[in-house]
N, C-alpha and C. Protein backbone atom coordinates (compact mmCIF):
# COMPACT_ATOMS: atom_id res chain seq x y z
N MET A 1 -10.78 -8.47 -6.03
CA MET A 1 -11.02 -7.38 -5.12
C MET A 1 -12.52 -7.14 -4.97
N ALA A 2 -12.86 -6.49 -3.90
CA ALA A 2 -14.27 -6.23 -3.62
C ALA A 2 -14.82 -5.19 -4.57
N HIS A 3 -16.12 -5.18 -4.72
CA HIS A 3 -16.77 -4.21 -5.59
C HIS A 3 -17.37 -3.11 -4.75
N GLY A 4 -17.73 -2.03 -5.40
CA GLY A 4 -18.35 -0.92 -4.69
C GLY A 4 -17.35 0.14 -4.32
N ASN A 5 -17.83 1.15 -3.63
CA ASN A 5 -16.99 2.28 -3.27
C ASN A 5 -16.39 2.05 -1.89
N MET A 6 -15.46 1.12 -1.79
CA MET A 6 -14.85 0.81 -0.51
C MET A 6 -13.43 1.33 -0.41
N ASP A 7 -12.95 2.02 -1.43
CA ASP A 7 -11.58 2.51 -1.36
C ASP A 7 -11.46 3.73 -0.48
N VAL A 8 -12.53 4.48 -0.31
CA VAL A 8 -12.52 5.65 0.55
C VAL A 8 -13.64 5.47 1.58
N PRO A 9 -13.28 4.94 2.77
CA PRO A 9 -14.33 4.63 3.73
C PRO A 9 -14.96 5.87 4.33
N GLY A 10 -16.21 5.76 4.63
CA GLY A 10 -16.92 6.85 5.30
C GLY A 10 -17.55 6.34 6.57
N GLY A 11 -18.05 7.23 7.38
CA GLY A 11 -18.66 6.85 8.65
C GLY A 11 -19.83 5.90 8.47
N ARG A 12 -20.59 6.08 7.39
CA ARG A 12 -21.77 5.25 7.17
C ARG A 12 -21.39 3.78 7.02
N THR A 13 -20.34 3.47 6.27
CA THR A 13 -19.96 2.08 6.07
C THR A 13 -19.41 1.45 7.34
N LYS A 14 -18.75 2.24 8.16
CA LYS A 14 -18.24 1.72 9.42
C LYS A 14 -19.38 1.24 10.31
N ARG A 15 -20.43 2.01 10.38
CA ARG A 15 -21.56 1.63 11.23
C ARG A 15 -22.22 0.34 10.71
N MET A 16 -22.06 0.05 9.45
CA MET A 16 -22.67 -1.14 8.88
C MET A 16 -21.79 -2.37 9.09
N GLY A 17 -20.68 -2.23 9.84
CA GLY A 17 -19.87 -3.38 10.17
C GLY A 17 -18.72 -3.63 9.22
N MET A 18 -18.35 -2.67 8.42
CA MET A 18 -17.23 -2.86 7.51
C MET A 18 -15.94 -2.93 8.29
N SER A 19 -15.01 -3.74 7.85
CA SER A 19 -13.70 -3.84 8.49
C SER A 19 -12.62 -3.47 7.48
N PHE A 20 -11.43 -3.19 7.99
CA PHE A 20 -10.36 -2.76 7.09
C PHE A 20 -10.03 -3.80 6.04
N GLU A 21 -10.27 -5.08 6.34
CA GLU A 21 -9.98 -6.12 5.35
C GLU A 21 -10.84 -6.01 4.10
N LYS A 22 -11.97 -5.33 4.21
CA LYS A 22 -12.87 -5.19 3.07
C LYS A 22 -12.58 -3.95 2.23
N LEU A 23 -11.66 -3.11 2.68
CA LEU A 23 -11.30 -1.92 1.90
C LEU A 23 -10.56 -2.32 0.63
N ARG A 24 -10.94 -1.72 -0.47
CA ARG A 24 -10.24 -2.00 -1.74
C ARG A 24 -8.76 -1.67 -1.63
N VAL A 25 -8.44 -0.59 -0.96
CA VAL A 25 -7.03 -0.19 -0.83
C VAL A 25 -6.25 -1.23 -0.01
N TYR A 26 -6.87 -1.78 1.01
CA TYR A 26 -6.19 -2.80 1.81
C TYR A 26 -6.02 -4.08 0.99
N GLN A 27 -7.05 -4.44 0.24
CA GLN A 27 -6.96 -5.63 -0.61
C GLN A 27 -5.88 -5.47 -1.68
N ALA A 28 -5.76 -4.27 -2.23
CA ALA A 28 -4.69 -4.01 -3.20
C ALA A 28 -3.33 -4.12 -2.54
N ALA A 29 -3.22 -3.66 -1.30
CA ALA A 29 -1.96 -3.77 -0.56
C ALA A 29 -1.61 -5.24 -0.29
N GLU A 30 -2.63 -6.06 -0.02
CA GLU A 30 -2.39 -7.49 0.15
C GLU A 30 -1.91 -8.13 -1.15
N LEU A 31 -2.50 -7.71 -2.27
CA LEU A 31 -2.02 -8.21 -3.57
C LEU A 31 -0.58 -7.79 -3.81
N LEU A 32 -0.25 -6.55 -3.46
CA LEU A 32 1.13 -6.08 -3.60
C LEU A 32 2.06 -6.92 -2.75
N ASP A 33 1.66 -7.21 -1.52
CA ASP A 33 2.49 -8.03 -0.63
C ASP A 33 2.76 -9.40 -1.27
N ALA A 34 1.73 -10.02 -1.80
CA ALA A 34 1.90 -11.33 -2.44
C ALA A 34 2.80 -11.23 -3.66
N GLU A 35 2.63 -10.18 -4.46
CA GLU A 35 3.46 -9.99 -5.65
C GLU A 35 4.92 -9.75 -5.26
N VAL A 36 5.14 -8.96 -4.24
CA VAL A 36 6.51 -8.69 -3.77
C VAL A 36 7.16 -9.99 -3.28
N GLN A 37 6.41 -10.81 -2.57
CA GLN A 37 6.97 -12.09 -2.11
C GLN A 37 7.36 -12.97 -3.30
N ARG A 38 6.53 -12.94 -4.35
CA ARG A 38 6.84 -13.71 -5.57
C ARG A 38 8.13 -13.18 -6.22
N LEU A 39 8.26 -11.86 -6.28
CA LEU A 39 9.45 -11.26 -6.88
C LEU A 39 10.70 -11.58 -6.06
N ILE A 40 10.58 -11.50 -4.75
CA ILE A 40 11.72 -11.79 -3.88
C ILE A 40 12.21 -13.22 -4.08
N ALA A 41 11.27 -14.13 -4.24
CA ALA A 41 11.62 -15.55 -4.40
C ALA A 41 12.44 -15.81 -5.66
N ARG A 42 12.32 -14.95 -6.65
CA ARG A 42 13.06 -15.18 -7.90
C ARG A 42 14.33 -14.34 -8.03
N MET A 43 14.60 -13.53 -7.02
CA MET A 43 15.79 -12.66 -7.08
C MET A 43 17.06 -13.43 -6.73
N PRO A 44 18.16 -13.05 -7.38
CA PRO A 44 19.44 -13.66 -7.04
C PRO A 44 19.92 -13.14 -5.67
N SER A 45 20.84 -13.86 -5.07
CA SER A 45 21.38 -13.42 -3.79
C SER A 45 22.21 -12.14 -4.00
N GLY A 46 22.51 -11.48 -2.90
CA GLY A 46 23.32 -10.28 -2.97
C GLY A 46 22.53 -8.99 -2.87
N HIS A 47 21.23 -9.09 -2.66
CA HIS A 47 20.38 -7.90 -2.57
C HIS A 47 19.58 -7.89 -1.26
N GLY A 48 20.14 -8.50 -0.24
CA GLY A 48 19.44 -8.68 1.02
C GLY A 48 18.97 -7.39 1.67
N SER A 49 19.79 -6.35 1.60
CA SER A 49 19.40 -5.08 2.22
C SER A 49 18.18 -4.48 1.54
N ASP A 50 18.17 -4.49 0.21
CA ASP A 50 17.01 -3.97 -0.52
C ASP A 50 15.78 -4.84 -0.30
N VAL A 51 15.96 -6.15 -0.24
CA VAL A 51 14.84 -7.06 0.00
C VAL A 51 14.23 -6.80 1.37
N ASP A 52 15.09 -6.64 2.37
CA ASP A 52 14.60 -6.36 3.72
C ASP A 52 13.83 -5.03 3.74
N HIS A 53 14.38 -4.04 3.09
CA HIS A 53 13.74 -2.72 3.04
C HIS A 53 12.39 -2.81 2.32
N LEU A 54 12.33 -3.57 1.25
CA LEU A 54 11.08 -3.75 0.50
C LEU A 54 10.03 -4.44 1.36
N ARG A 55 10.43 -5.48 2.05
CA ARG A 55 9.48 -6.18 2.94
C ARG A 55 8.93 -5.23 4.00
N ARG A 56 9.79 -4.41 4.59
CA ARG A 56 9.35 -3.49 5.64
C ARG A 56 8.44 -2.39 5.08
N ALA A 57 8.73 -1.92 3.87
CA ALA A 57 7.89 -0.88 3.26
C ALA A 57 6.48 -1.42 3.01
N VAL A 58 6.39 -2.62 2.49
CA VAL A 58 5.07 -3.20 2.20
C VAL A 58 4.33 -3.50 3.50
N ALA A 59 5.03 -3.97 4.52
CA ALA A 59 4.40 -4.21 5.81
C ALA A 59 3.88 -2.90 6.40
N SER A 60 4.66 -1.84 6.31
CA SER A 60 4.24 -0.54 6.81
C SER A 60 2.99 -0.06 6.08
N LEU A 61 2.95 -0.28 4.80
CA LEU A 61 1.79 0.08 4.00
C LEU A 61 0.53 -0.61 4.53
N LEU A 62 0.60 -1.90 4.71
CA LEU A 62 -0.55 -2.66 5.23
C LEU A 62 -0.94 -2.23 6.63
N TYR A 63 0.03 -2.16 7.51
CA TYR A 63 -0.27 -1.86 8.92
C TYR A 63 -0.85 -0.47 9.10
N ASN A 64 -0.35 0.49 8.35
CA ASN A 64 -0.84 1.86 8.51
C ASN A 64 -2.23 2.06 7.92
N ILE A 65 -2.59 1.30 6.90
CA ILE A 65 -3.97 1.34 6.40
C ILE A 65 -4.91 0.85 7.50
N ALA A 66 -4.55 -0.28 8.11
CA ALA A 66 -5.38 -0.84 9.18
C ALA A 66 -5.47 0.14 10.36
N GLU A 67 -4.35 0.74 10.74
CA GLU A 67 -4.37 1.70 11.85
C GLU A 67 -5.20 2.93 11.51
N ALA A 68 -5.10 3.41 10.28
CA ALA A 68 -5.89 4.58 9.87
C ALA A 68 -7.37 4.26 9.97
N TYR A 69 -7.75 3.09 9.51
CA TYR A 69 -9.16 2.70 9.55
C TYR A 69 -9.70 2.72 10.98
N GLY A 70 -8.88 2.28 11.91
CA GLY A 70 -9.33 2.19 13.29
C GLY A 70 -9.26 3.49 14.08
N CYS A 71 -8.68 4.53 13.52
CA CYS A 71 -8.53 5.80 14.23
C CYS A 71 -9.82 6.63 14.20
N SER A 72 -10.16 7.18 15.35
CA SER A 72 -11.28 8.10 15.39
C SER A 72 -10.79 9.55 15.29
N SER A 73 -9.54 9.79 15.60
CA SER A 73 -8.97 11.12 15.52
C SER A 73 -8.57 11.43 14.08
N PRO A 74 -9.14 12.48 13.48
CA PRO A 74 -8.81 12.81 12.09
C PRO A 74 -7.30 13.05 11.88
N GLY A 75 -6.66 13.67 12.84
CA GLY A 75 -5.23 13.93 12.70
C GLY A 75 -4.40 12.66 12.66
N ARG A 76 -4.70 11.74 13.57
CA ARG A 76 -3.98 10.45 13.59
C ARG A 76 -4.30 9.64 12.33
N LYS A 77 -5.56 9.67 11.92
CA LYS A 77 -5.97 8.94 10.71
C LYS A 77 -5.16 9.45 9.51
N CYS A 78 -5.09 10.77 9.35
CA CYS A 78 -4.33 11.35 8.24
C CYS A 78 -2.86 10.98 8.32
N ASN A 79 -2.31 10.99 9.52
CA ASN A 79 -0.91 10.64 9.68
C ASN A 79 -0.64 9.21 9.21
N HIS A 80 -1.48 8.27 9.62
CA HIS A 80 -1.30 6.88 9.19
C HIS A 80 -1.46 6.74 7.68
N LEU A 81 -2.41 7.46 7.11
CA LEU A 81 -2.59 7.40 5.66
C LEU A 81 -1.40 7.98 4.92
N GLU A 82 -0.84 9.06 5.43
CA GLU A 82 0.34 9.67 4.81
C GLU A 82 1.55 8.75 4.90
N VAL A 83 1.72 8.09 6.04
CA VAL A 83 2.82 7.12 6.18
C VAL A 83 2.62 5.97 5.19
N SER A 84 1.39 5.49 5.09
CA SER A 84 1.09 4.40 4.18
C SER A 84 1.36 4.80 2.73
N ARG A 85 0.95 6.00 2.37
CA ARG A 85 1.20 6.48 1.01
C ARG A 85 2.70 6.58 0.74
N GLY A 86 3.44 7.08 1.71
CA GLY A 86 4.89 7.15 1.57
C GLY A 86 5.51 5.77 1.43
N SER A 87 4.99 4.80 2.16
CA SER A 87 5.50 3.43 2.06
C SER A 87 5.23 2.82 0.69
N SER A 88 4.11 3.18 0.10
CA SER A 88 3.79 2.71 -1.25
C SER A 88 4.80 3.25 -2.25
N ASP A 89 5.09 4.55 -2.16
CA ASP A 89 6.09 5.16 -3.04
C ASP A 89 7.47 4.58 -2.78
N GLU A 90 7.76 4.33 -1.51
CA GLU A 90 9.05 3.75 -1.14
C GLU A 90 9.21 2.36 -1.76
N ALA A 91 8.17 1.56 -1.70
CA ALA A 91 8.23 0.22 -2.30
C ALA A 91 8.51 0.31 -3.80
N ARG A 92 7.84 1.25 -4.48
CA ARG A 92 8.07 1.42 -5.92
C ARG A 92 9.51 1.85 -6.18
N ALA A 93 10.04 2.74 -5.36
CA ALA A 93 11.42 3.19 -5.54
C ALA A 93 12.41 2.04 -5.34
N ILE A 94 12.14 1.18 -4.38
CA ILE A 94 13.02 0.02 -4.14
C ILE A 94 12.96 -0.92 -5.33
N LEU A 95 11.78 -1.16 -5.86
CA LEU A 95 11.66 -2.02 -7.04
C LEU A 95 12.46 -1.45 -8.21
N ARG A 96 12.37 -0.14 -8.41
CA ARG A 96 13.12 0.50 -9.50
C ARG A 96 14.63 0.34 -9.27
N ARG A 97 15.05 0.45 -8.02
CA ARG A 97 16.48 0.29 -7.70
C ARG A 97 16.93 -1.13 -7.98
N LEU A 98 16.08 -2.11 -7.66
CA LEU A 98 16.42 -3.50 -7.93
C LEU A 98 16.58 -3.75 -9.43
N VAL A 99 15.76 -3.08 -10.23
CA VAL A 99 15.91 -3.19 -11.69
C VAL A 99 17.23 -2.55 -12.11
N ALA A 100 17.50 -1.37 -11.60
CA ALA A 100 18.73 -0.65 -11.95
C ALA A 100 19.98 -1.45 -11.58
N ARG A 101 19.88 -2.23 -10.53
CA ARG A 101 21.03 -3.03 -10.07
C ARG A 101 21.08 -4.42 -10.72
N GLY A 102 20.14 -4.70 -11.61
CA GLY A 102 20.17 -5.97 -12.33
C GLY A 102 19.58 -7.14 -11.57
N ALA A 103 18.91 -6.89 -10.45
CA ALA A 103 18.32 -7.99 -9.67
C ALA A 103 17.06 -8.52 -10.32
N LEU A 104 16.33 -7.64 -11.01
CA LEU A 104 15.08 -8.02 -11.67
C LEU A 104 14.98 -7.26 -12.99
N PRO A 105 14.40 -7.88 -14.01
CA PRO A 105 14.15 -7.14 -15.25
C PRO A 105 12.93 -6.22 -15.10
N GLN A 106 12.92 -5.14 -15.83
CA GLN A 106 11.85 -4.14 -15.74
C GLN A 106 10.46 -4.73 -15.91
N HIS A 107 10.28 -5.59 -16.92
CA HIS A 107 8.94 -6.11 -17.18
C HIS A 107 8.38 -6.94 -16.03
N VAL A 108 9.25 -7.49 -15.20
CA VAL A 108 8.82 -8.33 -14.10
C VAL A 108 8.23 -7.52 -12.94
N ILE A 109 8.62 -6.26 -12.81
CA ILE A 109 8.10 -5.45 -11.70
C ILE A 109 6.88 -4.63 -12.08
N GLU A 110 6.41 -4.74 -13.32
CA GLU A 110 5.29 -3.91 -13.77
C GLU A 110 4.03 -4.08 -12.94
N LYS A 111 3.66 -5.31 -12.62
CA LYS A 111 2.45 -5.53 -11.82
C LYS A 111 2.58 -4.86 -10.45
N ALA A 112 3.71 -5.06 -9.79
CA ALA A 112 3.93 -4.45 -8.48
C ALA A 112 3.96 -2.93 -8.58
N GLY A 113 4.59 -2.41 -9.62
CA GLY A 113 4.63 -0.96 -9.82
C GLY A 113 3.25 -0.38 -10.04
N ASN A 114 2.44 -1.07 -10.84
CA ASN A 114 1.06 -0.62 -11.07
C ASN A 114 0.24 -0.65 -9.78
N LEU A 115 0.45 -1.68 -8.97
CA LEU A 115 -0.26 -1.76 -7.70
C LEU A 115 0.14 -0.60 -6.78
N THR A 116 1.44 -0.29 -6.72
CA THR A 116 1.87 0.81 -5.84
C THR A 116 1.25 2.13 -6.29
N ARG A 117 1.16 2.36 -7.58
CA ARG A 117 0.55 3.59 -8.08
C ARG A 117 -0.95 3.63 -7.76
N ALA A 118 -1.63 2.51 -7.95
CA ALA A 118 -3.07 2.46 -7.65
C ALA A 118 -3.32 2.67 -6.16
N ILE A 119 -2.51 2.06 -5.34
CA ILE A 119 -2.65 2.21 -3.89
C ILE A 119 -2.43 3.66 -3.49
N ALA A 120 -1.38 4.27 -4.02
CA ALA A 120 -1.10 5.68 -3.71
C ALA A 120 -2.27 6.57 -4.11
N LYS A 121 -2.87 6.28 -5.25
CA LYS A 121 -4.02 7.07 -5.71
C LYS A 121 -5.22 6.89 -4.77
N MET A 122 -5.50 5.66 -4.37
CA MET A 122 -6.60 5.41 -3.44
C MET A 122 -6.37 6.10 -2.10
N LEU A 123 -5.14 6.02 -1.61
CA LEU A 123 -4.82 6.68 -0.34
C LEU A 123 -4.95 8.19 -0.48
N GLY A 124 -4.52 8.72 -1.61
CA GLY A 124 -4.67 10.15 -1.86
C GLY A 124 -6.13 10.57 -1.86
N SER A 125 -7.00 9.76 -2.44
CA SER A 125 -8.43 10.05 -2.45
C SER A 125 -9.01 10.02 -1.04
N TRP A 126 -8.58 9.05 -0.26
CA TRP A 126 -9.04 8.95 1.12
C TRP A 126 -8.61 10.19 1.90
N LEU A 127 -7.37 10.59 1.73
CA LEU A 127 -6.87 11.79 2.41
C LEU A 127 -7.65 13.04 1.96
N SER A 128 -7.91 13.14 0.68
CA SER A 128 -8.66 14.29 0.16
C SER A 128 -10.07 14.33 0.75
N SER A 129 -10.69 13.16 0.89
CA SER A 129 -12.04 13.13 1.45
C SER A 129 -12.01 13.59 2.92
N LEU A 130 -10.96 13.28 3.61
CA LEU A 130 -10.84 13.72 5.02
C LEU A 130 -10.61 15.23 5.08
N GLU A 131 -9.84 15.74 4.15
CA GLU A 131 -9.57 17.19 4.11
C GLU A 131 -10.85 17.98 3.82
N ARG A 132 -11.71 17.45 2.95
CA ARG A 132 -12.97 18.12 2.61
C ARG A 132 -13.92 18.17 3.79
N ARG A 133 -13.79 17.24 4.72
CA ARG A 133 -14.69 17.20 5.88
C ARG A 133 -14.32 18.23 6.95
N LYS A 134 -13.13 18.78 6.86
CA LYS A 134 -12.67 19.74 7.88
C LYS A 134 -13.42 21.05 7.80
């Protein structure tokens, strides 16, 4: 992941040419996506609905971070960040359900669970920074 304070973007970094791909939170979401794909590949059949839901939650997380970054309207930006944060929590809930249903052992989802918590925290910080600017 990138170094520096890129998890909570500010106007100054945007003017310097920063893109959403360089955000720590977006990079963490990409790591989560890769980890989820790895987990899906090792799951037994019979969990297609949860797998589909998990894929959509992680995609929503990524897409809404990118949309938030590109928004100039504070209200729309906050909305995309809140959706993204909800998608992160949703992904963690789906992973927990897959463990409860015997599709994956608990220790196997730890990396993905830790990523969802870190992402939610970064998104929360970004939202808080926007609230302080009001």
